[in-house]
C-alpha cells in the first residue's frame, strides 16, 4: 500500500473510487485515448471529478450549460450527458486543433446534437453570446486559462440567472494560491478570482481543496442568488 498523503496514495484512492463507483465507459475512455493520440495535454478533469460535474448539472436540473475551455471534450461529455433531450451545451475553445478533437469525441459519444463548440478566445466569444441574446445558462463550468478567471466569472454572472451554478476548476494550484508575491499568471489570476467572488454580493460561494490523480488542487462553486 502506498504511503498516506503521497501522490501514489492519492492515485490509488482515485482508482479505488472510480473502480467502485463509476462503471466502465467506452466513450469516455475513447475520448481520453483520442486526445492523447492527438497530442493534447493530459489536463482533463479526473473521472470522479467529471462525474461530480455531471451530478451537479443533474441536481440543478440544468438545461443549458456553458463551458469555458473544451480541450478534448472529456468534461463536455460528462456535462452533456446530464442534459435533457432538448438541452444545449455551448463550449468555448481557444485552439482549433483541440476543438477538432473535442468535436470528434463528442460525436463518438452520441452527443453532437446537444453540443456546440465555438473556437476563439473566450473573452471574444462571450460578448458574442451576449449580443446574440442567448437564453441564460443554468450552469457554467470554467476550466480555461487561469489568468482570466476573474473575467470569466464576471461573464458567467452576465450570462446566467438566479439559481444558476458556476464551477471554476484548479483554484488551489498545488498550494501556490497562498503566495501573494507570485508573478505566475495562473496564481495571480486565481487570487483575483477569489477577490472578485468575495466582493460579489450576487453569489454565495465556497471552494474545496482536493487531492487525487491530478495532485493538490480544488474547485470553487458559486450559486447565483441575486439578479445581475
Protein backbone atom coordinates (compact mmCIF):
# COMPACT_ATOMS: atom_id res chain seq x y z
CA UNK A 1 0.00 0.00 0.00
CA UNK A 2 1.27 3.48 -0.83
CA UNK A 3 2.29 5.80 1.98
CA UNK A 4 -0.58 8.03 3.05
CA UNK A 5 -0.55 11.65 1.94
CA UNK A 6 1.59 10.88 -1.09
CA UNK A 7 0.80 11.27 -4.76
CA UNK A 8 0.99 7.49 -5.09
CA UNK A 9 -1.64 7.10 -2.38
CA UNK A 10 -3.86 9.76 -3.94
CA UNK A 11 -3.64 7.94 -7.28
CA UNK A 12 -4.59 4.63 -5.65
CA UNK A 13 -7.57 6.17 -3.87
CA UNK A 14 -8.82 7.78 -7.07
CA UNK A 15 -8.54 4.41 -8.82
CA UNK A 16 -10.45 2.78 -5.94
CA UNK A 17 -13.23 5.37 -6.20
CA UNK A 18 -13.50 5.02 -9.95
CA UNK A 19 -13.41 1.22 -9.83
CA UNK A 20 -16.15 1.05 -7.19
CA UNK A 21 -18.48 3.85 -8.24
CA UNK A 22 -18.04 4.51 -11.95
CA UNK A 23 -18.82 1.76 -14.46
CA UNK A 24 -16.54 1.22 -17.43
CA UNK A 25 -17.36 3.72 -20.16
CA UNK A 26 -16.16 3.15 -23.70
CA UNK A 27 -16.97 6.63 -24.97
CA UNK A 28 -15.10 8.39 -22.19
CA UNK A 29 -12.14 6.03 -22.45
CA UNK A 30 -12.06 6.60 -26.21
CA UNK A 31 -12.16 10.37 -25.70
CA UNK A 32 -9.09 10.20 -23.47
CA UNK A 33 -7.27 7.87 -25.87
CA UNK A 34 -8.11 10.03 -28.89
CA UNK A 35 -6.99 13.17 -27.08
CA UNK A 36 -3.70 11.56 -26.06
CA UNK A 37 -3.08 10.26 -29.59
CA UNK A 38 -3.67 13.77 -30.93
CA UNK A 39 -1.03 15.15 -28.57
CA UNK A 40 -3.38 17.13 -26.33
CA UNK A 41 -2.07 17.81 -22.82
CA UNK A 42 -3.35 15.46 -20.14
CA UNK A 43 -5.04 18.18 -18.11
CA UNK A 44 -8.63 16.98 -18.36
CA UNK A 45 -10.60 16.51 -15.16
CA UNK A 46 -10.25 13.14 -13.45
CA UNK A 47 -13.12 10.64 -13.99
CA UNK A 48 -14.52 11.12 -10.49
CA UNK A 49 -14.37 14.90 -10.98
CA UNK A 50 -16.15 14.56 -14.31
CA UNK A 51 -18.84 12.51 -12.59
CA UNK A 52 -19.21 15.27 -10.00
CA UNK A 53 -19.78 17.83 -12.77
CA UNK A 54 -22.47 15.61 -14.24
CA UNK A 55 -24.10 15.20 -10.84
CA UNK A 56 -24.10 18.96 -10.25
CA UNK A 57 -25.73 19.51 -13.64
CA UNK A 58 -28.35 16.87 -12.84
CA UNK A 59 -29.02 18.13 -9.32
CA UNK A 60 -29.57 21.66 -10.59
CA UNK A 61 -31.80 20.36 -13.40
CA UNK A 62 -29.62 22.20 -15.88
CA UNK A 63 -31.00 22.52 -19.39
CA UNK A 64 -28.40 24.95 -20.69
CA UNK A 65 -24.70 24.70 -19.83
CA UNK A 66 -21.78 26.94 -20.76
CA UNK A 67 -18.28 25.51 -20.66
CA UNK A 68 -15.25 27.79 -20.92
CA UNK A 69 -12.35 25.61 -22.01
CA UNK A 70 -13.11 22.46 -24.02
CA UNK A 71 -9.74 20.73 -24.51
CA UNK A 72 -10.62 17.25 -25.85
CA UNK A 73 -14.24 17.33 -24.75
CA UNK A 74 -13.93 14.95 -21.80
CA UNK A 75 -15.73 17.18 -19.30
CA UNK A 76 -18.04 18.23 -22.12
CA UNK A 77 -19.28 14.66 -22.42
CA UNK A 78 -19.90 14.38 -18.68
CA UNK A 79 -21.90 17.61 -18.67
CA UNK A 80 -23.83 16.95 -21.88
CA UNK A 81 -24.96 13.54 -20.66
CA UNK A 82 -26.73 15.25 -17.77
CA UNK A 83 -28.86 17.38 -20.09
CA UNK A 84 -32.42 16.59 -21.14
CA UNK A 85 -33.06 15.75 -24.82
CA UNK A 86 -33.83 19.39 -25.62
CA UNK A 87 -30.83 20.69 -23.67
CA UNK A 88 -27.88 22.59 -25.04
CA UNK A 89 -24.22 22.89 -24.10
CA UNK A 90 -22.04 25.64 -25.56
CA UNK A 91 -18.32 25.07 -25.12
CA UNK A 92 -15.65 27.65 -25.91
CA UNK A 93 -12.19 26.53 -27.01
CA UNK A 94 -9.28 28.77 -27.98
CA UNK A 95 -7.43 26.28 -30.20
CA UNK A 96 -8.73 24.86 -33.48
CA UNK A 97 -6.83 21.59 -33.02
CA UNK A 98 -8.34 20.96 -29.60
CA UNK A 99 -11.83 21.80 -30.86
CA UNK A 100 -11.50 19.34 -33.75
CA UNK A 101 -10.56 16.54 -31.35
CA UNK A 102 -13.37 17.50 -28.99
CA UNK A 103 -15.97 17.53 -31.77
CA UNK A 104 -14.93 14.04 -32.81
CA UNK A 105 -15.07 12.79 -29.21
CA UNK A 106 -18.46 14.36 -28.60
CA UNK A 107 -19.82 12.88 -31.82
CA UNK A 108 -18.47 9.43 -30.94
CA UNK A 109 -20.28 9.71 -27.61
CA UNK A 110 -23.53 10.38 -29.49
CA UNK A 111 -23.91 13.91 -28.16
CA UNK A 112 -23.26 16.08 -31.21
CA UNK A 113 -26.89 17.19 -31.29
CA UNK A 114 -26.62 18.71 -27.80
CA UNK A 115 -23.20 20.34 -28.04
CA UNK A 116 -21.93 23.39 -29.89
CA UNK A 117 -18.18 24.03 -29.77
CA UNK A 118 -17.10 27.55 -30.69
CA UNK A 119 -13.48 28.37 -31.45
CA UNK A 120 -11.67 31.53 -30.44
CA UNK A 121 -10.52 33.45 -27.38
CA UNK A 122 -13.24 33.15 -24.75
CA UNK A 123 -13.15 36.87 -23.99
CA UNK A 124 -14.14 37.47 -27.61
CA UNK A 125 -16.73 34.70 -27.81
CA UNK A 126 -18.52 35.59 -24.56
CA UNK A 127 -19.57 39.06 -25.77
CA UNK A 128 -20.79 37.42 -28.99
CA UNK A 129 -23.07 35.16 -26.97
CA UNK A 130 -24.47 38.19 -25.17
CA UNK A 131 -25.02 40.09 -28.43
CA UNK A 132 -26.85 37.08 -29.84
CA UNK A 133 -29.26 37.26 -26.91
CA UNK A 134 -28.80 33.65 -25.86
CA UNK A 135 -31.06 32.37 -23.12
CA UNK A 136 -29.38 32.38 -19.69
CA UNK A 137 -27.32 29.35 -18.77
CA UNK A 138 -28.22 27.20 -15.77
CA UNK A 139 -24.64 26.10 -15.15
CA UNK A 140 -21.22 27.39 -16.14
CA UNK A 141 -18.01 25.37 -15.89
CA UNK A 142 -14.80 27.40 -16.14
CA UNK A 143 -11.65 25.44 -16.94
CA UNK A 144 -9.60 27.63 -19.27
CA UNK A 145 -6.52 29.85 -18.86
CA UNK A 146 -6.39 30.81 -15.21
CA UNK A 147 -5.05 34.31 -15.78
CA UNK A 148 -8.53 35.42 -16.87
CA UNK A 149 -10.59 33.55 -14.26
CA UNK A 150 -11.96 36.77 -12.76
CA UNK A 151 -13.13 37.95 -16.17
CA UNK A 152 -14.69 34.57 -16.94
CA UNK A 153 -16.52 34.70 -13.62
CA UNK A 154 -17.86 38.17 -14.41
CA UNK A 155 -19.13 36.95 -17.78
CA UNK A 156 -20.66 33.88 -16.15
CA UNK A 157 -22.76 36.20 -14.00
CA UNK A 158 -23.87 38.17 -17.05
CA UNK A 159 -24.99 35.01 -18.83
CA UNK A 160 -26.81 33.22 -16.00
CA UNK A 161 -29.85 33.76 -13.77
CA UNK A 162 -30.82 33.42 -10.13
CA UNK A 163 -30.36 29.77 -9.24
CA UNK A 164 -27.55 29.14 -11.73
CA UNK A 165 -24.35 27.46 -10.58
CA UNK A 166 -20.83 28.47 -11.57
CA UNK A 167 -17.98 26.00 -11.08
CA UNK A 168 -14.34 27.03 -11.53
CA UNK A 169 -11.62 24.38 -11.63
CA UNK A 170 -7.99 24.49 -10.46
CA UNK A 171 -8.34 27.12 -7.76
CA UNK A 172 -5.68 25.86 -5.32
CA UNK A 173 -2.73 25.44 -7.69
CA UNK A 174 -0.88 22.94 -5.51
CA UNK A 175 -0.95 25.40 -2.62
CA UNK A 176 0.67 28.20 -4.62
CA UNK A 177 -2.58 30.11 -4.16
CA UNK A 178 -1.17 31.35 -0.84
CA UNK A 179 1.83 33.08 -2.44
CA UNK A 180 0.78 36.72 -2.64
CA UNK A 181 4.14 37.63 -4.19
CA UNK A 182 3.86 35.14 -7.06
CA UNK A 183 4.22 36.50 -10.59
CA UNK A 184 2.80 33.30 -12.10
CA UNK A 185 -0.20 34.42 -14.20
CA UNK A 186 -2.17 31.33 -13.12
CA UNK A 187 -1.67 32.13 -9.44
CA UNK A 188 -2.30 35.85 -9.92
CA UNK A 189 -5.45 35.11 -11.92
CA UNK A 190 -6.72 32.63 -9.34
CA UNK A 191 -6.18 35.08 -6.48
CA UNK A 192 -8.03 37.74 -8.50
CA UNK A 193 -10.90 35.28 -8.89
CA UNK A 194 -11.19 34.87 -5.12
CA UNK A 195 -11.16 38.65 -4.70
CA UNK A 196 -13.89 39.02 -7.32
CA UNK A 197 -16.09 36.33 -5.78
CA UNK A 198 -15.58 37.68 -2.25
CA UNK A 199 -16.68 41.15 -3.39
CA UNK A 200 -19.72 39.89 -5.32
CA UNK A 201 -22.99 40.17 -3.38
CA UNK A 202 -24.97 38.33 -6.05
CA UNK A 203 -23.48 34.91 -5.23
CA UNK A 204 -22.96 32.55 -2.33
CA UNK A 205 -19.77 30.62 -2.82
CA UNK A 206 -17.19 28.29 -1.36
CA UNK A 207 -14.09 26.48 -2.54
CA UNK A 208 -12.92 22.98 -1.72
CA UNK A 209 -9.34 21.78 -1.96
CA UNK A 210 -8.82 18.30 -3.32
CA UNK A 211 -6.09 15.72 -3.68
CA UNK A 212 -6.10 12.91 -6.20
CA UNK A 213 -4.71 11.80 -9.52
CA UNK A 214 -4.48 15.47 -10.53
CA UNK A 215 -2.41 16.34 -7.48
CA UNK A 216 -3.30 19.00 -4.91
CA UNK A 217 -5.86 21.44 -6.27
CA UNK A 218 -9.50 22.34 -5.81
CA UNK A 219 -12.62 23.90 -7.25
CA UNK A 220 -14.86 26.86 -6.50
CA UNK A 221 -18.65 26.66 -6.58
CA UNK A 222 -20.89 29.73 -6.65
CA UNK A 223 -24.68 29.93 -6.56
CA UNK A 224 -26.27 32.99 -8.14
CA UNK A 225 -28.71 34.37 -5.56
CA UNK A 226 -29.46 37.86 -6.90
CA UNK A 227 -30.23 39.06 -10.41
CA UNK A 228 -27.45 40.73 -12.37
